[in-house]
């Protein structure tokens, strides 16, 4: 029976750890969104940790705008 109780205890520890990880992830996401909103309010430049894809997208949009092509989705 000790095996069963050990397994239950281990499962509970893992559940608690998973809950901690999820809470941390949620907190970080909320902080990231808050920073993003604050940056927009201040008119600051985009965050430096943008992904390469996001940076390339902005560069492409700027190039198209300089050529007089406007994005229809905006």
Protein backbone atom coordinates (compact mmCIF):
# COMPACT_ATOMS: atom_id res chain seq x y z
CA UNK A 1 0.00 0.00 0.00
CA UNK A 2 2.90 2.37 0.54
CA UNK A 3 3.53 2.29 -3.21
CA UNK A 4 0.01 3.52 -3.84
CA UNK A 5 0.28 6.33 -1.31
CA UNK A 6 3.69 7.31 -2.69
CA UNK A 7 2.23 7.45 -6.18
CA UNK A 8 -0.66 9.59 -4.97
CA UNK A 9 1.73 11.93 -3.18
CA UNK A 10 3.91 12.19 -6.28
CA UNK A 11 0.85 12.90 -8.42
CA UNK A 12 -0.20 15.67 -6.05
CA UNK A 13 3.29 17.20 -6.16
CA UNK A 14 3.21 17.11 -9.95
CA UNK A 15 -0.25 18.71 -10.01
CA UNK A 16 0.96 21.49 -7.72
CA UNK A 17 4.06 22.05 -9.86
CA UNK A 18 1.92 22.18 -13.00
CA UNK A 19 -0.38 24.72 -11.37
CA UNK A 20 2.66 26.84 -10.43
CA UNK A 21 4.00 26.68 -13.98
CA UNK A 22 0.63 27.67 -15.42
CA UNK A 23 0.28 30.56 -12.97
CA UNK A 24 3.79 31.80 -13.80
CA UNK A 25 3.05 31.57 -17.53
CA UNK A 26 -0.21 33.49 -17.06
CA UNK A 27 1.55 36.17 -14.98
CA UNK A 28 4.30 36.60 -17.58
CA UNK A 29 1.74 36.87 -20.38
CA UNK A 30 -0.17 39.54 -18.47
CA UNK A 31 3.07 41.47 -17.85
CA UNK A 32 3.96 41.23 -21.53
CA UNK A 33 0.54 42.53 -22.56
CA UNK A 34 0.76 45.36 -20.02
CA UNK A 35 4.19 46.39 -21.33
CA UNK A 36 2.88 46.25 -24.89
CA UNK A 37 -0.08 48.47 -24.01
CA UNK A 38 2.14 50.89 -22.08
CA UNK A 39 4.48 51.07 -25.08
CA UNK A 40 1.61 51.91 -27.39
CA UNK A 41 0.29 54.59 -25.04
CA UNK A 42 3.70 56.25 -24.85
CA UNK A 43 4.26 55.96 -28.59
CA UNK A 44 7.47 54.10 -27.91
CA UNK A 45 9.26 51.99 -30.46
CA UNK A 46 8.40 48.29 -30.63
CA UNK A 47 9.99 46.06 -27.99
CA UNK A 48 13.51 44.90 -28.75
CA UNK A 49 12.71 41.24 -28.11
CA UNK A 50 10.36 40.98 -31.11
CA UNK A 51 10.70 37.83 -33.10
CA UNK A 52 12.60 37.87 -36.35
CA UNK A 53 9.36 37.21 -38.21
CA UNK A 54 7.63 40.20 -36.62
CA UNK A 55 10.59 42.46 -37.44
CA UNK A 56 10.57 41.29 -41.06
CA UNK A 57 6.81 41.85 -41.28
CA UNK A 58 7.20 45.45 -40.12
CA UNK A 59 10.05 46.01 -42.57
CA UNK A 60 7.95 44.64 -45.43
CA UNK A 61 5.00 46.85 -44.46
CA UNK A 62 7.25 49.91 -44.34
CA UNK A 63 8.70 49.07 -47.75
CA UNK A 64 5.24 48.63 -49.26
CA UNK A 65 4.06 51.91 -47.75
CA UNK A 66 7.09 53.72 -49.14
CA UNK A 67 6.10 52.39 -52.58
CA UNK A 68 2.54 53.68 -52.11
CA UNK A 69 0.96 50.27 -51.53
CA UNK A 70 -1.42 50.34 -48.57
CA UNK A 71 -2.44 47.21 -46.67
CA UNK A 72 -6.17 46.60 -47.28
CA UNK A 73 -6.62 44.80 -43.93
CA UNK A 74 -5.87 47.99 -41.99
